[in-house]
């Protein structure tokens, strides 16, 4: 499933919770978020390199005011960064 479709299929209360300054992760069985206020794209990528031992790519969706973090070793992980 692509990023936009996955986002649109999230429960409404999860989508409503999306706000700038946080990174939202959706695992197959749980939802998580953590604060990342004023983090640069490089800092976000460094977080995933440290915690998942993987490179990542940021993809901008200006129409959604979201960035997707695509973690190389975690293809089923949905990561969104609102802005």
Protein backbone atom coordinates (compact mmCIF):
# COMPACT_ATOMS: atom_id res chain seq x y z
CA UNK A 1 0.00 0.00 0.00
CA UNK A 2 1.36 3.43 -0.80
CA UNK A 3 1.91 6.24 1.71
CA UNK A 4 -1.17 8.31 0.83
CA UNK A 5 -3.51 5.30 0.93
CA UNK A 6 -2.06 4.10 4.23
CA UNK A 7 -2.47 7.60 5.68
CA UNK A 8 -6.07 7.86 4.48
CA UNK A 9 -6.85 4.44 6.00
CA UNK A 10 -5.56 5.35 9.46
CA UNK A 11 -8.22 5.77 12.13
CA UNK A 12 -9.54 9.36 12.24
CA UNK A 13 -8.37 9.89 15.82
CA UNK A 14 -4.80 8.95 14.82
CA UNK A 15 -4.83 11.32 11.83
CA UNK A 16 -6.26 14.08 14.06
CA UNK A 17 -3.36 13.58 16.50
CA UNK A 18 -0.77 14.33 13.81
CA UNK A 19 0.88 17.63 14.66
CA UNK A 20 4.18 19.34 13.87
CA UNK A 21 7.05 18.60 16.20
CA UNK A 22 6.36 14.87 16.41
CA UNK A 23 7.29 11.77 14.44
CA UNK A 24 4.51 9.20 14.10
CA UNK A 25 5.22 5.50 13.59
CA UNK A 26 2.63 2.92 12.64
CA UNK A 27 3.64 -0.67 13.19
CA UNK A 28 1.38 -3.56 12.16
CA UNK A 29 0.10 -3.92 15.74
CA UNK A 30 0.66 -0.53 17.41
CA UNK A 31 0.97 3.23 17.01
CA UNK A 32 3.78 5.32 18.50
CA UNK A 33 4.98 8.88 18.38
CA UNK A 34 7.87 10.82 19.83
CA UNK A 35 8.74 14.51 20.05
CA UNK A 36 11.13 15.89 17.46
CA UNK A 37 10.60 19.62 17.80
CA UNK A 38 12.83 21.63 15.50
CA UNK A 39 14.68 18.54 14.31
CA UNK A 40 16.23 18.79 10.89
CA UNK A 41 15.69 16.11 8.26
CA UNK A 42 19.24 14.94 8.97
CA UNK A 43 18.48 14.53 12.70
CA UNK A 44 15.38 12.48 11.89
CA UNK A 45 17.37 10.25 9.56
CA UNK A 46 20.11 9.89 12.21
CA UNK A 47 17.46 8.69 14.70
CA UNK A 48 16.40 5.89 12.37
CA UNK A 49 20.00 5.00 11.54
CA UNK A 50 20.73 4.64 15.27
CA UNK A 51 17.53 2.84 16.31
CA UNK A 52 16.89 0.68 13.26
CA UNK A 53 20.48 0.35 12.00
CA UNK A 54 19.22 1.43 8.61
CA UNK A 55 19.41 4.24 6.14
CA UNK A 56 16.23 6.15 5.35
CA UNK A 57 14.79 8.46 2.74
CA UNK A 58 12.48 11.43 3.33
CA UNK A 59 9.73 12.02 0.79
CA UNK A 60 7.71 15.22 0.91
CA UNK A 61 3.91 15.29 0.49
CA UNK A 62 3.16 19.03 0.55
CA UNK A 63 -0.53 18.48 -0.17
CA UNK A 64 -0.76 16.50 3.10
CA UNK A 65 1.77 18.67 4.97
CA UNK A 66 3.64 15.44 5.77
CA UNK A 67 6.99 13.89 5.12
CA UNK A 68 7.33 10.16 4.82
CA UNK A 69 10.38 8.48 6.29
CA UNK A 70 11.06 5.34 4.31
CA UNK A 71 13.31 3.11 6.44
CA UNK A 72 15.23 0.79 4.16
CA UNK A 73 15.13 -2.31 6.38
CA UNK A 74 11.53 -1.77 7.56
CA UNK A 75 9.32 -1.72 4.43
CA UNK A 76 6.11 -2.26 6.43
CA UNK A 77 6.79 0.58 8.85
CA UNK A 78 4.73 3.72 8.20
CA UNK A 79 6.52 6.87 9.43
CA UNK A 80 5.06 10.35 9.04
CA UNK A 81 6.48 13.71 10.06
CA UNK A 82 3.86 16.49 10.03
CA UNK A 83 4.93 20.05 9.30
